[in-house]
Amino acid sequence: MATLPKPQPRESVQWRPMLPDDLPAIAALEARIHAAPWSEGNFRDALAAGYSMRVGTRGGRIVAYGVLMLGPGEAQLLNLSVVPEDRREGLGRELLAQFIDDAQRLSAEQFFLEVRAGNLPAIALYEAAGFSPVARRVGYYPAATPGGEREDALVMRCPLGMPRHPASI
């Protein structure tokens, strides 16, 4: 009888602030992941504006990244991305929890984000973290495929104030 090889444990992800040297790689990942990607210049502008920006690395490669804008009393998630081959491991949940903690630490009372209405895994993640839809932007996102139709955005909100832990998200 044949035996299957034992799965090798994956190296853990290390989280750190996004650095200017990361931007070319992140822009390349962004172009691969999203139908309407941010440019390297968009990321550079966000860094210059002082937004909270993080990357997760594994084995020397970036596997997740995100951008959070903080303002008086509120936070807005601008980008949360996980490379396709590293999805379904809780990395998005982990990064979202870090951003929620940042927002609470900096006294944000509410947290907003936009998500493609058809991105059901992301919507489920956000709902599990306490977000609920508050508005719909019709035709907000460009078509995901050539010749396809524009897609609506759900605007989601999470009231802040109670401490959260990554395991609870």
Protein backbone atom coordinates (compact mmCIF):
# COMPACT_ATOMS: atom_id res chain seq x y z
CA MET A 1 0.00 0.00 0.00
CA ALA A 2 1.35 3.40 -0.97
CA THR A 3 1.71 6.07 1.65
CA LEU A 4 1.25 9.74 1.08
CA PRO A 5 4.00 12.08 2.11
CA LYS A 6 3.32 14.00 5.28
CA PRO A 7 2.42 17.61 4.61
CA GLN A 8 5.26 19.91 5.50
CA PRO A 9 4.33 22.65 7.94
CA ARG A 10 4.32 26.02 6.25
CA GLU A 11 6.63 28.68 7.50
CA SER A 12 4.82 31.26 9.61
CA VAL A 13 4.07 34.70 8.24
CA GLN A 14 6.02 37.66 9.57
CA TRP A 15 4.14 40.97 9.69
CA ARG A 16 5.87 44.31 9.33
CA PRO A 17 5.29 47.84 8.06
CA MET A 18 5.31 48.29 4.29
CA LEU A 19 8.56 49.88 3.08
CA PRO A 20 9.35 51.87 -0.08
CA ASP A 21 11.51 48.97 -1.30
CA ASP A 22 8.40 46.72 -1.21
CA LEU A 23 6.44 48.83 -3.69
CA PRO A 24 7.59 47.31 -7.02
CA ALA A 25 6.79 43.78 -5.79
CA ILE A 26 3.48 44.88 -4.28
CA ALA A 27 2.47 46.69 -7.48
CA ALA A 28 3.24 43.52 -9.47
CA LEU A 29 1.16 41.41 -7.06
CA GLU A 30 -1.64 43.98 -7.17
CA ALA A 31 -1.74 43.77 -10.98
CA ARG A 32 -1.98 39.99 -10.75
CA ILE A 33 -4.68 39.96 -8.05
CA HIS A 34 -7.07 42.80 -8.94
CA ALA A 35 -9.09 43.78 -12.00
CA ALA A 36 -8.57 47.47 -11.10
CA PRO A 37 -5.16 47.43 -9.40
CA TRP A 38 -3.51 50.21 -7.48
CA SER A 39 -0.36 51.48 -9.17
CA GLU A 40 3.04 51.68 -7.54
CA GLY A 41 2.42 55.43 -7.37
CA ASN A 42 -0.84 54.90 -5.45
CA PHE A 43 1.04 52.87 -2.85
CA ARG A 44 3.86 55.43 -2.76
CA ASP A 45 1.32 58.24 -2.18
CA ALA A 46 -0.31 56.27 0.66
CA LEU A 47 3.09 55.78 2.30
CA ALA A 48 3.87 59.48 1.95
CA ALA A 49 0.47 60.34 3.49
CA GLY A 50 1.33 58.27 6.56
CA TYR A 51 -1.34 55.61 6.14
CA SER A 52 -0.99 52.43 8.18
CA MET A 53 0.47 49.92 5.71
CA ARG A 54 1.56 46.35 6.40
CA VAL A 55 2.96 43.38 4.58
CA GLY A 56 3.10 39.74 5.55
CA THR A 57 6.11 37.80 4.33
CA ARG A 58 6.82 34.09 4.20
CA GLY A 59 10.13 32.70 3.04
CA GLY A 60 11.25 36.12 1.83
CA ARG A 61 8.22 36.73 -0.39
CA ILE A 62 5.24 39.00 0.22
CA VAL A 63 2.05 36.97 0.68
CA ALA A 64 -0.32 39.65 2.01
CA TYR A 65 -0.52 43.41 2.30
CA GLY A 66 -2.93 46.12 3.28
CA VAL A 67 -3.54 49.83 3.59
CA LEU A 68 -5.56 51.56 6.31
CA MET A 69 -6.45 55.25 6.33
CA LEU A 70 -7.13 56.76 9.72
CA GLY A 71 -8.98 60.03 10.24
CA PRO A 72 -10.66 61.78 13.14
CA GLY A 73 -13.01 59.24 14.70
CA GLU A 74 -12.90 56.72 11.88
CA ALA A 75 -10.80 54.29 9.89
CA GLN A 76 -11.18 53.13 6.31
CA LEU A 77 -9.68 49.97 4.90
CA LEU A 78 -8.39 50.89 1.45
CA ASN A 79 -6.72 47.63 0.45
CA LEU A 80 -6.46 44.15 1.95
CA SER A 81 -4.94 41.57 -0.38
CA VAL A 82 -3.63 38.01 -0.05
CA VAL A 83 -1.85 36.31 -2.94
CA PRO A 84 -4.04 33.52 -4.39
CA GLU A 85 -1.70 30.66 -3.52
CA ASP A 86 -1.72 31.67 0.17
CA ARG A 87 -5.45 32.23 0.63
CA ARG A 88 -7.69 30.25 2.98
CA GLU A 89 -5.02 30.26 5.71
CA GLY A 90 -6.42 33.09 7.83
CA LEU A 91 -3.96 35.73 6.60
CA GLY A 92 -6.71 38.17 5.62
CA ARG A 93 -8.34 37.66 9.02
CA GLU A 94 -5.03 38.23 10.77
CA LEU A 95 -4.26 41.43 8.85
CA LEU A 96 -7.80 42.75 9.36
CA ALA A 97 -7.46 42.14 13.11
CA GLN A 98 -4.21 44.13 13.16
CA PHE A 99 -5.90 47.03 11.40
CA ILE A 100 -8.91 46.91 13.75
CA ASP A 101 -6.51 47.01 16.70
CA ASP A 102 -4.71 50.02 15.16
CA ALA A 103 -8.01 51.83 14.64
CA GLN A 104 -9.15 51.19 18.21
CA ARG A 105 -5.78 52.19 19.67
CA LEU A 106 -6.03 55.48 17.78
CA SER A 107 -9.59 56.10 19.07
CA ALA A 108 -11.54 55.44 15.88
CA GLU A 109 -15.21 54.99 16.65
CA GLN A 110 -16.13 53.33 13.38
CA PHE A 111 -14.41 51.42 10.61
CA PHE A 112 -15.50 51.45 6.96
CA LEU A 113 -14.57 49.46 3.87
CA GLU A 114 -15.79 48.79 0.36
CA VAL A 115 -15.92 45.34 -1.20
CA ARG A 116 -17.10 43.95 -4.53
CA ALA A 117 -20.67 42.74 -4.05
CA GLY A 118 -19.70 39.41 -5.65
CA ASN A 119 -16.67 38.78 -3.42
CA LEU A 120 -18.48 36.42 -1.08
CA PRO A 121 -15.39 35.12 0.79
CA ALA A 122 -14.33 38.69 1.65
CA ILE A 123 -17.87 39.65 2.67
CA ALA A 124 -18.02 36.60 4.97
CA LEU A 125 -14.67 37.59 6.52
CA TYR A 126 -15.86 41.15 7.14
CA GLU A 127 -19.23 40.04 8.56
CA ALA A 128 -17.44 37.65 10.94
CA ALA A 129 -15.38 40.63 12.14
CA GLY A 130 -18.52 42.64 12.94
CA PHE A 131 -19.02 44.61 9.71
CA SER A 132 -22.44 45.02 8.17
CA PRO A 133 -23.53 46.57 4.87
CA VAL A 134 -24.67 50.20 5.12
CA ALA A 135 -24.78 51.24 1.45
CA ARG A 136 -24.39 49.99 -2.11
CA ARG A 137 -22.53 51.84 -4.86
CA VAL A 138 -23.99 50.73 -8.17
CA GLY A 139 -21.44 50.04 -10.92
CA TYR A 140 -18.58 51.22 -8.71
CA TYR A 141 -15.94 48.66 -9.71
CA PRO A 142 -14.67 48.11 -13.27
CA ALA A 143 -15.55 44.78 -14.87
CA ALA A 144 -13.49 41.88 -13.52
CA THR A 145 -13.18 40.40 -17.01
CA PRO A 146 -12.88 42.02 -20.45
CA GLY A 147 -16.34 42.69 -21.82
CA GLY A 148 -17.93 42.03 -18.43
CA GLU A 149 -20.19 44.36 -16.54
CA ARG A 150 -19.18 46.80 -13.84
CA GLU A 151 -19.80 45.53 -10.34
CA ASP A 152 -21.47 47.12 -7.36
CA ALA A 153 -19.57 47.88 -4.18
CA LEU A 154 -20.94 47.16 -0.74
CA VAL A 155 -19.98 49.78 1.81
CA MET A 156 -19.59 48.04 5.15
CA ARG A 157 -19.26 49.53 8.63
CA CYS A 158 -18.09 48.18 11.95
CA PRO A 159 -18.65 50.14 15.15
CA LEU A 160 -15.53 50.10 17.34
CA GLY A 161 -15.02 50.42 21.04
CA MET A 162 -14.87 46.87 22.35
CA PRO A 163 -11.47 45.12 22.42
CA ARG A 164 -11.11 42.39 19.79
CA HIS A 165 -8.63 39.58 19.46
CA PRO A 166 -7.50 37.82 16.26
CA ALA A 167 -9.11 34.56 17.40
CA SER A 168 -12.50 36.26 17.67
CA ILE A 169 -12.47 37.55 14.10
